[in-house]
N, C-alpha and C. Protein backbone atom coordinates (compact mmCIF):
# COMPACT_ATOMS: atom_id res chain seq x y z
N UNK A 1 -9.29 4.08 36.82
CA UNK A 1 -8.32 3.61 35.65
C UNK A 1 -8.83 4.47 33.98
N UNK A 2 -7.40 4.92 33.61
CA UNK A 2 -8.10 5.95 32.05
C UNK A 2 -8.27 4.84 31.46
N UNK A 3 -9.15 5.61 30.18
CA UNK A 3 -9.16 4.60 29.06
C UNK A 3 -8.55 4.81 27.83
N UNK A 4 -7.32 4.09 27.59
CA UNK A 4 -6.70 4.11 26.25
C UNK A 4 -7.22 3.77 24.79
N UNK A 5 -7.85 4.68 24.40
CA UNK A 5 -8.35 4.86 22.90
C UNK A 5 -7.40 4.96 21.60
N UNK A 6 -6.63 5.90 22.09
CA UNK A 6 -5.81 6.28 20.74
C UNK A 6 -4.43 6.25 21.35
N UNK A 7 -3.10 5.13 20.64
CA UNK A 7 -1.84 5.19 20.86
C UNK A 7 -1.16 5.66 19.88
N UNK A 8 -0.54 6.64 20.26
CA UNK A 8 0.64 6.68 19.14
C UNK A 8 2.01 6.60 19.28
N UNK A 9 2.95 6.18 18.46
CA UNK A 9 4.28 6.13 18.72
C UNK A 9 5.13 6.81 17.38
N UNK A 10 6.13 7.15 18.25
CA UNK A 10 7.51 7.74 16.96
C UNK A 10 8.30 6.69 17.11
N UNK A 11 8.44 5.97 16.02
CA UNK A 11 9.11 4.74 15.95
C UNK A 11 10.80 5.00 15.37
N UNK A 12 11.35 5.50 16.92
CA UNK A 12 12.67 5.94 16.33
C UNK A 12 13.98 5.12 16.71
N UNK A 13 14.76 5.09 15.93
CA UNK A 13 16.10 4.26 16.63
C UNK A 13 16.46 3.00 15.65
N UNK A 14 16.16 3.13 14.53
CA UNK A 14 16.36 2.28 13.69
C UNK A 14 17.67 2.37 12.95
N UNK A 15 18.02 3.25 12.81
CA UNK A 15 19.41 3.78 11.99
C UNK A 15 20.59 3.19 13.13
N UNK A 16 20.19 3.36 14.26
CA UNK A 16 21.57 3.78 15.32
C UNK A 16 21.28 2.10 15.81
N UNK A 17 20.30 1.32 15.92
CA UNK A 17 19.91 -0.07 15.89
C UNK A 17 21.18 -0.56 15.25
N UNK A 18 20.95 -0.61 13.78
CA UNK A 18 21.79 -1.09 12.83
C UNK A 18 23.10 -0.61 13.05
N UNK A 19 23.50 0.37 13.48
CA UNK A 19 24.81 0.90 13.36
C UNK A 19 25.64 0.36 14.36
N UNK A 20 25.17 0.14 15.62
CA UNK A 20 25.50 -0.41 16.49
C UNK A 20 26.07 -1.72 16.28
N UNK A 21 24.85 -2.46 15.50
CA UNK A 21 25.53 -4.13 15.00
C UNK A 21 26.56 -4.11 14.00
N UNK A 22 27.15 -2.96 13.06
CA UNK A 22 27.38 -3.51 11.86
C UNK A 22 26.70 -3.38 10.78
N UNK A 23 25.44 -3.27 10.87
CA UNK A 23 24.72 -3.06 9.88
C UNK A 23 24.70 -2.29 8.79
N UNK A 24 24.24 -2.28 7.73
CA UNK A 24 23.50 -0.88 7.16
C UNK A 24 22.25 -0.24 7.77
N UNK A 25 22.14 0.85 7.65
CA UNK A 25 20.89 1.32 8.67
C UNK A 25 19.34 0.88 7.68
N UNK A 26 19.38 0.63 6.66
CA UNK A 26 18.36 -0.12 6.43
C UNK A 26 17.98 -1.20 6.80
N UNK A 27 18.71 -1.76 7.41
CA UNK A 27 18.58 -3.69 7.98
C UNK A 27 17.82 -3.25 9.54
N UNK A 28 18.05 -1.95 9.57
CA UNK A 28 17.23 -1.46 11.13
C UNK A 28 15.83 -1.64 10.64
N UNK A 29 15.48 -0.59 9.73
CA UNK A 29 14.55 -0.12 8.89
C UNK A 29 13.68 -1.97 8.75
N UNK A 30 14.31 -2.50 8.43
CA UNK A 30 13.30 -3.70 7.85
C UNK A 30 13.40 -4.72 9.65
N UNK A 31 14.11 -4.49 10.33
CA UNK A 31 13.95 -5.25 11.51
C UNK A 31 12.62 -4.66 12.08
N UNK A 32 12.75 -3.57 11.98
CA UNK A 32 11.50 -2.35 12.98
C UNK A 32 10.50 -2.38 12.37
N UNK A 33 10.41 -2.83 11.16
CA UNK A 33 8.85 -3.05 10.51
C UNK A 33 8.38 -4.07 11.26
N UNK A 34 9.20 -5.21 11.53
CA UNK A 34 8.59 -6.31 12.42
C UNK A 34 8.01 -6.22 13.39
N UNK A 35 8.33 -5.03 14.24
CA UNK A 35 7.81 -4.54 15.65
C UNK A 35 6.45 -4.14 15.54
N UNK A 36 6.04 -3.78 14.54
CA UNK A 36 4.69 -3.09 14.05
C UNK A 36 3.64 -4.30 14.35
N UNK A 37 4.15 -5.25 14.14
CA UNK A 37 3.15 -6.61 14.45
C UNK A 37 2.71 -6.90 15.51
N UNK A 38 3.64 -6.72 16.38
CA UNK A 38 3.54 -7.08 18.12
C UNK A 38 2.79 -6.29 18.32
N UNK A 39 2.85 -4.77 17.95
CA UNK A 39 2.40 -3.29 18.42
C UNK A 39 0.99 -3.72 18.35
N UNK A 40 0.40 -4.11 16.95
CA UNK A 40 -1.12 -4.22 16.82
C UNK A 40 -1.73 -5.39 17.61
N UNK A 41 -0.49 -6.45 17.55
CA UNK A 41 -1.83 -7.58 18.52
C UNK A 41 -1.84 -7.18 19.85
N UNK A 42 -0.78 -5.93 20.40
CA UNK A 42 -0.58 -5.79 21.82
C UNK A 42 -2.30 -4.93 21.84
N UNK A 43 -2.42 -3.85 20.90
CA UNK A 43 -3.68 -3.08 20.76
C UNK A 43 -4.76 -3.54 20.66
N UNK A 44 -4.81 -5.04 19.96
CA UNK A 44 -6.16 -5.46 20.01
C UNK A 44 -6.62 -6.90 20.95
N UNK A 45 -5.69 -7.03 21.66
CA UNK A 45 -5.76 -7.68 23.06
C UNK A 45 -6.37 -7.01 24.07
N UNK A 46 -5.86 -5.55 23.77
CA UNK A 46 -6.35 -4.57 25.08
C UNK A 46 -7.60 -3.60 24.83
N UNK A 47 -8.03 -4.15 23.16
CA UNK A 47 -9.10 -3.02 23.06
C UNK A 47 -8.99 -2.09 22.45
N UNK A 48 -7.84 -1.58 22.45
CA UNK A 48 -7.55 -0.08 21.77
C UNK A 48 -7.66 0.14 20.60
N UNK A 49 -8.85 0.91 20.23
CA UNK A 49 -9.23 1.34 19.06
C UNK A 49 -8.53 2.11 17.81
N UNK A 50 -7.50 2.67 17.90
CA UNK A 50 -6.58 3.73 17.31
C UNK A 50 -5.37 3.60 17.47
N UNK A 51 -4.50 3.15 16.86
CA UNK A 51 -2.88 3.01 16.65
C UNK A 51 -2.18 3.84 15.60
N UNK A 52 -1.90 4.84 16.01
CA UNK A 52 -0.97 6.05 14.91
C UNK A 52 0.42 5.92 15.06
N UNK A 53 1.32 5.58 13.83
CA UNK A 53 2.51 5.05 13.70
C UNK A 53 3.27 6.35 12.70
N UNK A 54 4.37 6.59 13.37
CA UNK A 54 5.09 7.89 12.40
C UNK A 54 6.12 6.90 11.82
N UNK A 55 6.32 6.56 10.31
CA UNK A 55 7.27 5.80 9.99
C UNK A 55 8.15 7.12 8.85
N UNK A 56 7.63 7.88 8.22
CA UNK A 56 8.27 8.84 7.23
C UNK A 56 7.58 10.20 7.64
N UNK A 57 8.37 10.90 8.10
CA UNK A 57 8.26 12.64 7.88
C UNK A 57 8.46 13.11 6.95
N UNK A 58 7.75 14.45 6.74
CA UNK A 58 8.05 15.59 5.43
C UNK A 58 9.46 15.80 5.84
N UNK A 59 10.38 15.41 6.69
CA UNK A 59 11.42 16.19 6.84
C UNK A 59 12.68 15.05 6.29
N UNK A 60 11.96 13.66 6.29
CA UNK A 60 12.42 12.35 6.12
C UNK A 60 13.49 12.53 4.67
N UNK A 61 12.98 13.72 3.78
CA UNK A 61 13.21 13.44 2.36
C UNK A 61 14.87 13.97 2.64
N UNK A 62 15.00 14.57 3.46
CA UNK A 62 16.92 15.12 3.62
C UNK A 62 17.47 14.15 3.64
N UNK A 63 17.38 12.88 3.90
CA UNK A 63 17.93 11.88 4.18
C UNK A 63 18.75 11.22 2.67
N UNK A 64 19.83 10.65 2.82
CA UNK A 64 20.47 10.25 1.52
C UNK A 64 19.59 9.54 0.48
N UNK A 65 19.49 9.55 -0.73
CA UNK A 65 18.37 8.94 -1.36
C UNK A 65 18.41 7.63 -1.72
N UNK A 66 19.38 6.87 -1.28
CA UNK A 66 19.14 5.63 -1.16
C UNK A 66 18.62 5.15 -0.19
N UNK A 67 18.09 5.41 1.08
CA UNK A 67 17.82 5.41 2.26
C UNK A 67 16.29 5.33 2.24
N UNK A 68 16.05 6.68 1.02
CA UNK A 68 14.33 6.90 1.04
C UNK A 68 14.17 6.05 0.11
N UNK A 69 14.92 5.88 -0.88
CA UNK A 69 14.16 4.81 -1.98
C UNK A 69 14.15 3.46 -1.08
N UNK A 70 14.99 3.28 -0.32
CA UNK A 70 14.81 1.60 0.23
C UNK A 70 13.58 1.51 1.51
N UNK A 71 13.17 2.76 2.02
CA UNK A 71 12.36 3.04 2.83
C UNK A 71 11.01 2.84 1.76
N UNK A 72 10.81 3.39 0.91
CA UNK A 72 9.51 3.48 0.30
C UNK A 72 9.44 2.11 -0.49
N UNK A 73 10.28 1.37 -0.82
CA UNK A 73 10.39 0.08 -1.24
C UNK A 73 10.26 -1.06 -0.13
N UNK A 74 9.98 -0.74 1.31
CA UNK A 74 10.09 -1.10 2.40
C UNK A 74 8.34 -1.29 2.42
N UNK A 75 7.93 0.25 2.51
CA UNK A 75 6.44 0.42 2.43
C UNK A 75 5.51 -0.70 1.27
N UNK A 76 6.25 -0.45 0.25
CA UNK A 76 5.20 -1.11 -0.44
C UNK A 76 5.28 -2.58 -0.28
N UNK A 77 6.64 -3.07 0.10
CA UNK A 77 6.43 -4.50 0.52
C UNK A 77 5.46 -4.70 1.45
N UNK A 78 5.69 -3.91 2.69
CA UNK A 78 4.87 -4.02 3.75
C UNK A 78 3.30 -4.27 3.27
N UNK A 79 3.28 -3.48 2.47
CA UNK A 79 1.56 -3.33 2.31
C UNK A 79 1.36 -4.53 1.37
N UNK A 80 1.80 -4.94 0.79
CA UNK A 80 1.95 -6.43 0.03
C UNK A 80 1.61 -7.72 1.03
N UNK A 81 2.80 -7.33 1.97
CA UNK A 81 2.43 -8.46 2.58
C UNK A 81 1.76 -8.59 3.71
N UNK A 82 1.12 -7.41 3.90
CA UNK A 82 -0.03 -7.29 5.02
C UNK A 82 -1.02 -7.74 5.03
N UNK A 83 -1.76 -8.04 3.82
CA UNK A 83 -3.29 -7.81 3.13
C UNK A 83 -4.15 -9.29 4.17
N UNK A 84 -3.48 -10.28 3.91
CA UNK A 84 -4.15 -11.37 4.57
C UNK A 84 -3.78 -10.95 6.13
N UNK A 85 -3.06 -10.51 6.79
CA UNK A 85 -3.17 -10.34 8.21
C UNK A 85 -4.01 -9.47 8.40
N UNK A 86 -3.91 -8.20 7.72
CA UNK A 86 -5.09 -6.94 8.72
C UNK A 86 -6.21 -8.14 8.08
N UNK A 87 -6.40 -8.59 6.92
CA UNK A 87 -7.90 -9.02 6.95
C UNK A 87 -8.30 -9.87 8.17
N UNK A 88 -7.52 -10.55 8.22
CA UNK A 88 -7.94 -11.59 9.61
C UNK A 88 -8.00 -11.26 11.02
N UNK A 89 -7.00 -10.16 10.97
CA UNK A 89 -6.97 -9.42 12.42
C UNK A 89 -7.87 -8.54 12.47
N UNK A 90 -8.51 -8.37 11.82
CA UNK A 90 -9.60 -7.04 11.81
C UNK A 90 -9.37 -5.62 12.08
N UNK A 91 -7.68 -5.19 11.21
CA UNK A 91 -6.96 -4.37 11.02
C UNK A 91 -7.81 -2.97 9.73
N UNK A 92 -7.94 -2.06 10.37
CA UNK A 92 -8.68 -1.55 9.29
C UNK A 92 -7.22 -0.67 8.96
N UNK A 93 -6.51 -0.31 7.55
CA UNK A 93 -5.68 0.38 7.37
C UNK A 93 -5.64 1.80 6.87
N UNK A 94 -5.13 2.72 7.43
CA UNK A 94 -5.06 4.38 6.97
C UNK A 94 -3.90 4.80 6.67
N UNK A 95 -3.86 5.87 5.98
CA UNK A 95 -2.44 6.52 5.82
C UNK A 95 -2.81 8.15 6.20
N UNK A 96 -2.01 8.39 7.04
CA UNK A 96 -2.01 10.17 7.23
C UNK A 96 -0.72 10.70 7.15
N UNK A 97 -0.82 11.72 5.72
CA UNK A 97 0.15 12.52 5.61
C UNK A 97 -0.08 13.04 4.05
N UNK A 98 0.58 13.25 3.26
CA UNK A 98 0.56 13.74 1.71
C UNK A 98 1.38 12.72 1.14
N UNK A 99 0.43 12.08 0.22
CA UNK A 99 0.63 10.77 -0.35
C UNK A 99 0.93 11.06 -2.08
N UNK A 100 0.80 12.62 -2.42
CA UNK A 100 0.31 12.85 -3.88
C UNK A 100 1.50 12.89 -4.63
N UNK A 101 3.03 12.96 -3.50
CA UNK A 101 4.27 12.99 -4.20
C UNK A 101 4.64 11.38 -4.40
N UNK A 102 3.91 10.23 -3.98
CA UNK A 102 4.73 9.28 -4.21
C UNK A 102 4.50 8.74 -5.54
N UNK A 103 4.80 7.22 -6.11
CA UNK A 103 4.76 7.03 -7.61
C UNK A 103 3.26 6.44 -7.50
N UNK A 104 3.09 6.37 -8.76
CA UNK A 104 1.32 5.32 -8.98
C UNK A 104 1.44 4.32 -8.30
N UNK A 105 2.24 3.71 -8.28
CA UNK A 105 2.60 2.10 -7.92
C UNK A 105 2.19 1.94 -6.25
N UNK A 106 2.83 2.58 -5.90
CA UNK A 106 2.67 2.95 -4.28
C UNK A 106 1.46 3.37 -4.02
N UNK A 107 0.63 4.40 -4.66
CA UNK A 107 -0.33 4.93 -4.51
C UNK A 107 -1.57 3.74 -4.53
N UNK A 108 -1.13 2.83 -5.54
CA UNK A 108 -2.50 2.02 -5.89
C UNK A 108 -2.01 1.17 -4.71
N UNK A 109 -0.96 0.75 -4.26
CA UNK A 109 -0.90 -0.18 -3.29
C UNK A 109 -1.67 0.45 -1.66
N UNK A 110 -1.19 1.80 -1.52
CA UNK A 110 -2.41 1.95 -0.50
C UNK A 110 -3.75 2.13 -0.56
N UNK A 111 -4.31 2.61 -1.94
CA UNK A 111 -5.67 2.33 -1.90
C UNK A 111 -5.88 1.53 -1.76
N UNK A 112 -5.33 0.14 -2.71
CA UNK A 112 -6.28 -1.50 -2.61
C UNK A 112 -6.34 -1.98 -1.15
N UNK A 113 -5.32 -1.51 -0.12
CA UNK A 113 -5.02 -2.08 1.05
C UNK A 113 -6.59 -1.50 2.15
N UNK A 114 -6.35 -0.27 1.61
CA UNK A 114 -7.27 0.85 2.27
C UNK A 114 -8.60 0.21 2.00
N UNK A 115 -9.06 -0.14 0.91
CA UNK A 115 -10.24 -0.60 0.45
C UNK A 115 -10.70 -1.59 0.95
N UNK A 116 -9.61 -2.78 0.85
CA UNK A 116 -9.46 -3.95 1.10
C UNK A 116 -10.24 -4.44 2.78
N UNK A 117 -9.43 -3.42 3.58
CA UNK A 117 -9.45 -3.59 4.79
C UNK A 117 -10.80 -2.45 5.42
N UNK A 118 -11.29 -1.79 4.74
CA UNK A 118 -12.37 -0.82 5.20
C UNK A 118 -13.38 -0.98 5.88
N UNK A 119 -13.79 -2.52 6.14
CA UNK A 119 -14.75 -2.58 6.74
C UNK A 119 -14.47 -3.60 8.37
N UNK A 120 -13.43 -3.35 8.55
CA UNK A 120 -12.67 -3.95 9.66
C UNK A 120 -12.78 -2.97 11.11
N UNK A 121 -13.16 -3.78 12.03
CA UNK A 121 -13.41 -2.96 13.21
C UNK A 121 -12.45 -2.97 14.38
N UNK A 122 -11.70 -3.85 14.44
CA UNK A 122 -11.13 -3.98 15.57
C UNK A 122 -10.15 -3.27 16.00
N UNK A 123 -9.23 -3.17 14.93
CA UNK A 123 -8.32 -1.63 15.38
C UNK A 123 -8.42 -0.94 13.75
N UNK A 124 -7.80 0.66 14.13
CA UNK A 124 -7.70 1.28 13.27
C UNK A 124 -5.94 1.68 13.26
N UNK A 125 -5.35 1.33 12.03
CA UNK A 125 -3.69 1.39 12.04
C UNK A 125 -3.73 2.81 10.96
N UNK A 126 -3.35 4.17 11.74
CA UNK A 126 -2.80 5.07 10.90
C UNK A 126 -1.09 4.80 10.92
N UNK A 127 -0.88 5.13 9.62
CA UNK A 127 0.63 4.94 9.49
C UNK A 127 1.00 6.10 9.07
N UNK A 128 1.56 6.70 9.09
CA UNK A 128 1.89 8.33 9.11
C UNK A 128 3.16 8.47 8.24
N UNK A 129 3.22 8.58 6.55
CA UNK A 129 4.14 8.71 5.52
C UNK A 129 4.01 10.10 5.08
N UNK A 130 5.01 10.77 4.87
CA UNK A 130 5.25 11.84 4.27
C UNK A 130 4.31 12.79 5.30
N UNK A 131 4.22 12.77 6.63
CA UNK A 131 3.40 13.19 7.50
C UNK A 131 4.57 14.27 8.09
N UNK A 132 3.75 15.60 8.14
CA UNK A 132 3.93 16.27 9.34
C UNK A 132 2.90 17.25 9.95
N UNK A 133 3.16 17.06 10.69
CA UNK A 133 1.84 17.93 11.72
C UNK A 133 1.55 19.48 10.91
N UNK A 134 2.49 20.25 10.91
CA UNK A 134 2.08 21.83 10.45
C UNK A 134 1.45 21.41 9.08
N UNK A 135 2.08 20.53 8.16
CA UNK A 135 1.57 20.29 6.55
C UNK A 135 0.28 19.82 7.18
N UNK A 136 -0.24 18.93 7.93
CA UNK A 136 -1.65 18.53 8.13
C UNK A 136 -2.45 19.81 8.05
N UNK A 137 -1.99 20.87 9.10
CA UNK A 137 -2.67 21.22 9.79
C UNK A 137 -3.05 22.90 8.70
N UNK A 138 -2.09 22.93 7.63
CA UNK A 138 -2.29 23.77 6.61
C UNK A 138 -2.94 23.27 5.42
N UNK A 139 -2.74 21.83 5.39
CA UNK A 139 -3.86 21.74 4.43
C UNK A 139 -5.47 21.22 4.68
N UNK A 140 -5.57 20.95 6.25
CA UNK A 140 -6.67 21.31 6.83
C UNK A 140 -7.42 22.73 6.53
N UNK A 141 -7.14 23.62 6.69
CA UNK A 141 -7.20 25.14 6.69
C UNK A 141 -7.81 25.21 5.42
N UNK A 142 -6.80 24.73 4.72
CA UNK A 142 -6.98 24.77 2.74
C UNK A 142 -8.53 24.17 2.58
N UNK A 143 -8.29 22.94 2.72
CA UNK A 143 -9.65 22.18 2.64
C UNK A 143 -11.01 22.74 3.61
N UNK A 144 -11.06 23.30 4.63
CA UNK A 144 -12.29 24.07 5.14
C UNK A 144 -12.56 25.21 4.14
N UNK A 145 -11.22 26.19 3.90
CA UNK A 145 -11.36 27.09 2.77
C UNK A 145 -12.21 26.99 1.52
N UNK A 146 -11.68 25.90 0.96
CA UNK A 146 -12.37 25.50 -0.27
C UNK A 146 -13.50 25.35 -0.31
N UNK A 147 -13.94 24.42 0.93
CA UNK A 147 -15.53 24.34 1.17
C UNK A 147 -15.96 25.34 1.62
N UNK A 148 -15.44 26.21 1.92
CA UNK A 148 -16.65 27.64 2.59
C UNK A 148 -17.26 27.36 3.67
N UNK A 149 -16.17 26.34 4.81
CA UNK A 149 -16.94 25.92 5.86
C UNK A 149 -16.21 26.94 7.00
N UNK A 150 -17.06 27.21 8.16
CA UNK A 150 -16.45 27.96 8.99
C UNK A 150 -15.40 27.20 9.91
N UNK A 151 -14.36 28.39 9.97
CA UNK A 151 -12.98 27.80 10.74
C UNK A 151 -13.33 28.07 12.50
N UNK A 152 -13.44 26.59 12.70
CA UNK A 152 -13.44 26.81 14.66
C UNK A 152 -12.43 25.48 15.12
N UNK A 153 -12.63 24.99 16.23
CA UNK A 153 -11.74 24.40 16.83
C UNK A 153 -12.29 22.66 16.42
N UNK A 154 -13.84 23.14 16.52
CA UNK A 154 -14.44 21.37 16.29
C UNK A 154 -14.16 21.06 14.34
N UNK A 155 -14.38 22.20 13.71
CA UNK A 155 -13.92 22.26 12.15
C UNK A 155 -12.61 22.04 11.69
N UNK A 156 -11.78 22.68 12.46
CA UNK A 156 -10.30 22.11 11.99
C UNK A 156 -9.90 20.65 12.87
N UNK A 157 -10.73 20.44 13.81
CA UNK A 157 -9.95 18.78 14.20
C UNK A 157 -10.94 17.58 13.30
N UNK A 158 -12.11 18.04 12.77
CA UNK A 158 -12.68 16.91 11.72
C UNK A 158 -11.73 17.07 10.43
N UNK A 159 -11.04 18.27 10.10
CA UNK A 159 -10.35 18.22 9.23
C UNK A 159 -9.37 17.60 8.86
N UNK A 160 -8.92 17.23 9.85
CA UNK A 160 -7.63 16.70 10.16
C UNK A 160 -7.16 15.53 9.22
N UNK A 161 -6.29 14.65 9.18
CA UNK A 161 -6.03 13.04 8.54
C UNK A 161 -6.89 12.31 9.54
N UNK A 162 -6.36 12.43 10.65
CA UNK A 162 -7.19 11.75 11.86
C UNK A 162 -7.71 12.56 13.02
N UNK A 163 -8.57 12.80 12.93
CA UNK A 163 -9.29 13.92 14.12
C UNK A 163 -9.10 13.25 15.88
N UNK A 164 -9.30 11.65 15.94
CA UNK A 164 -9.40 11.67 17.61
C UNK A 164 -8.22 11.87 18.20
N UNK A 165 -8.11 12.61 19.30
CA UNK A 165 -7.29 13.10 20.26
C UNK A 165 -6.54 11.85 20.84
N UNK A 166 -5.49 11.89 20.96
CA UNK A 166 -4.09 10.96 21.70
C UNK A 166 -4.36 10.83 23.37
N UNK A 167 -4.12 9.92 23.22
CA UNK A 167 -4.47 9.16 24.80
C UNK A 167 -2.72 9.32 25.25
N UNK A 168 -2.13 8.42 24.70
CA UNK A 168 -0.68 7.96 24.98
C UNK A 168 0.37 7.83 23.95
N UNK A 169 1.27 8.94 23.89
CA UNK A 169 2.23 9.18 22.85
C UNK A 169 3.52 8.08 23.33
N UNK A 170 4.08 7.46 22.67
CA UNK A 170 5.34 7.09 23.34
C UNK A 170 6.49 7.35 21.90
N UNK A 171 7.64 7.76 22.48
CA UNK A 171 8.55 7.87 21.69
C UNK A 171 10.21 7.22 21.81
N UNK A 172 10.25 5.79 21.28
CA UNK A 172 11.62 5.64 21.62
C UNK A 172 12.63 5.63 20.96
N UNK A 173 13.79 5.34 21.47
CA UNK A 173 15.23 5.70 20.87
C UNK A 173 16.10 6.82 21.71
N UNK A 174 15.14 7.29 22.83
CA UNK A 174 16.15 8.06 23.58
C UNK A 174 15.88 9.47 23.46
N UNK A 175 15.04 10.28 22.65
CA UNK A 175 15.34 11.24 22.05
C UNK A 175 13.73 12.00 23.06
N UNK A 176 13.75 13.40 23.52
CA UNK A 176 12.87 13.44 23.84
C UNK A 176 11.99 15.35 23.11
N UNK A 177 11.67 14.99 22.39
CA UNK A 177 10.82 15.68 21.48
C UNK A 177 9.76 14.96 20.46
N UNK A 178 8.89 16.12 19.97
CA UNK A 178 7.53 15.36 19.19
C UNK A 178 7.63 15.39 17.61
N UNK A 179 9.11 16.48 17.52
CA UNK A 179 9.02 15.67 15.62
C UNK A 179 8.08 16.22 14.92
N UNK A 180 7.43 16.95 15.22
CA UNK A 180 6.48 17.59 14.26
C UNK A 180 4.94 16.21 13.79
N UNK A 181 4.48 15.95 15.13
CA UNK A 181 3.96 14.66 15.04
C UNK A 181 2.49 14.86 16.02
N UNK A 182 1.61 14.88 15.07
CA UNK A 182 0.22 15.25 15.48
C UNK A 182 0.26 16.23 16.80
N UNK A 183 0.34 17.23 16.56
CA UNK A 183 0.74 17.89 17.57
C UNK A 183 -0.54 18.46 17.82
N UNK A 184 -1.64 18.38 17.27
CA UNK A 184 -3.13 19.09 18.04
C UNK A 184 -3.47 17.74 18.41
N UNK A 185 -3.81 16.67 17.85
CA UNK A 185 -4.14 15.86 18.53
C UNK A 185 -3.40 14.96 20.11
N UNK A 186 -2.29 15.58 20.19
CA UNK A 186 -1.57 15.24 21.24
C UNK A 186 -1.79 16.34 22.05
N UNK A 187 -2.78 17.50 22.00
CA UNK A 187 -2.69 18.77 23.19
C UNK A 187 -2.70 18.12 24.43
N UNK A 188 -3.52 17.18 24.78
CA UNK A 188 -3.48 16.59 25.88
C UNK A 188 -3.45 15.23 26.23
N UNK A 189 -2.29 14.69 25.53
CA UNK A 189 -1.69 13.74 25.40
C UNK A 189 -1.06 13.44 26.70
N UNK A 190 -0.90 11.84 27.40
CA UNK A 190 0.37 11.57 28.28
C UNK A 190 1.30 10.85 27.11
N UNK A 191 2.64 11.89 27.59
CA UNK A 191 4.20 11.36 26.85
C UNK A 191 4.80 10.05 27.88
N UNK A 192 5.31 9.19 26.83
CA UNK A 192 6.19 8.18 27.70
C UNK A 192 7.45 8.00 26.68
N UNK A 193 8.91 8.57 27.10
CA UNK A 193 9.59 8.28 26.30
C UNK A 193 10.92 7.19 26.91
N UNK A 194 11.12 6.30 26.00
CA UNK A 194 11.98 5.53 26.48
C UNK A 194 13.43 5.37 25.38
N UNK A 195 14.43 4.90 26.26
CA UNK A 195 15.89 4.93 25.52
C UNK A 195 15.77 3.55 24.47
N UNK A 196 14.99 2.89 24.55
CA UNK A 196 14.93 1.33 23.67
C UNK A 196 14.78 1.68 22.60
N UNK A 197 15.77 1.36 21.50
CA UNK A 197 15.61 1.59 20.17
C UNK A 197 14.43 1.11 19.65
N UNK A 198 13.59 1.21 18.45
CA UNK A 198 12.45 0.74 18.22
C UNK A 198 12.81 -0.98 17.28
N UNK A 199 13.71 -1.00 17.19
CA UNK A 199 13.91 -2.86 16.78
C UNK A 199 13.84 -3.67 18.05
N UNK A 200 13.92 -3.11 19.21
CA UNK A 200 14.12 -3.81 20.51
C UNK A 200 12.74 -3.48 21.13
N UNK A 201 12.28 -2.68 20.89
CA UNK A 201 10.64 -2.43 21.73
C UNK A 201 10.15 -3.78 21.52
N UNK A 202 9.18 -3.94 22.44
CA UNK A 202 8.35 -5.29 23.05
C UNK A 202 7.03 -5.04 23.38
N UNK A 203 5.88 -6.10 23.41
CA UNK A 203 4.96 -6.24 24.17
C UNK A 203 5.41 -5.75 25.82
N UNK A 204 6.25 -6.66 25.99
CA UNK A 204 6.44 -6.17 27.93
C UNK A 204 6.82 -5.09 28.03
N UNK A 205 7.66 -4.20 27.06
CA UNK A 205 7.59 -2.96 27.80
C UNK A 205 6.59 -1.72 27.50
N UNK A 206 6.09 -2.12 26.11
CA UNK A 206 4.66 -1.81 26.21
C UNK A 206 3.34 -1.72 27.23
N UNK A 207 3.29 -3.16 27.83
CA UNK A 207 2.50 -2.94 29.04
C UNK A 207 2.71 -2.44 29.85
N UNK A 208 4.14 -2.46 30.48
CA UNK A 208 4.64 -1.57 31.40
C UNK A 208 4.16 -0.50 31.21
N UNK A 209 4.09 0.50 30.49
CA UNK A 209 3.98 1.75 29.96
C UNK A 209 2.57 2.13 29.85
N UNK A 210 1.70 1.19 29.22
CA UNK A 210 0.17 1.19 29.01
C UNK A 210 -0.16 1.01 30.85
N UNK A 211 0.16 0.19 31.78
CA UNK A 211 0.38 0.23 32.81
C UNK A 211 -0.06 1.42 33.77
N UNK A 212 1.12 2.23 33.34
CA UNK A 212 1.78 3.04 34.15
C UNK A 212 0.51 4.73 33.55
N UNK A 213 0.55 4.46 32.19
CA UNK A 213 -0.68 5.26 32.02
C UNK A 213 -2.11 5.42 32.34
N UNK A 214 -2.42 4.10 32.69
CA UNK A 214 -3.79 3.74 33.18
C UNK A 214 -3.98 4.30 34.67
N UNK A 215 -2.97 4.36 35.34
CA UNK A 215 -2.97 5.07 37.10
C UNK A 215 -2.92 6.65 37.40
N UNK A 216 -2.67 7.03 35.86
CA UNK A 216 -2.03 8.25 36.04
C UNK A 216 -3.64 9.21 36.27
N UNK A 217 -3.63 10.50 36.76
CA UNK A 217 -4.67 11.22 36.96
C UNK A 217 -4.58 12.12 36.05
N UNK A 218 -5.51 12.46 35.36
CA UNK A 218 -5.24 13.40 33.89
C UNK A 218 -6.36 14.25 34.03
N UNK A 219 -6.07 15.46 34.59
CA UNK A 219 -6.96 16.49 35.07
C UNK A 219 -7.67 17.54 33.67
N UNK A 220 -6.82 17.61 32.60
CA UNK A 220 -7.21 18.60 31.50
C UNK A 220 -7.40 19.73 32.31
N UNK A 221 -6.60 20.28 33.00
CA UNK A 221 -6.89 21.88 33.12
C UNK A 221 -7.65 22.05 34.65
N UNK A 222 -8.33 20.78 34.82
CA UNK A 222 -9.24 21.03 36.17
C UNK A 222 -7.84 20.62 37.54
N UNK A 223 -9.04 20.20 38.59
CA UNK A 223 -8.23 19.77 39.65
C UNK A 223 -8.17 18.03 40.14
């Protein structure tokens, strides 16, 4: 049986879910945010220690300004609404990605929630915001160079926003690509792609995917 320590999910399909139902795309993002609760509960129940969710990529700035503005507001509202839930459930909240471009209000909300939950141990939740793996690698190399540290596989790994290797990476929404998400951390990850749009994703489907992962023979280049 494989150990599932780090689960990563590319949450795709919010816009298409809304369009199929005649809603604005923003409705899909709103409903999709609620699925995060179910996934966190699943991880805590199963003893998974790290959950990384792809919420907003460095490429998503190309979307219409109205949608980007809504996503950033949704993020701020989400952070405020989760304070008690994260505290009660032992969730250690973290952001991966470059938040320097965000408003001071949003950066303050992120900082406050990180401080509030810093001692929680049940689950580390990484929310990838303004995240791109290529950007992460460049920032990590710059950090090592500025600190005059030797550049090798171990030092580069530890300089990443999240150094923990991914065991299982799931993408919802029917697409078969990584979209610049945690490329180094996913070097030996098992992949699962589902046509289910993110707002329709649930614990039952996640359970099936996790059970299938547990039965796989992970060789890491060996036999």
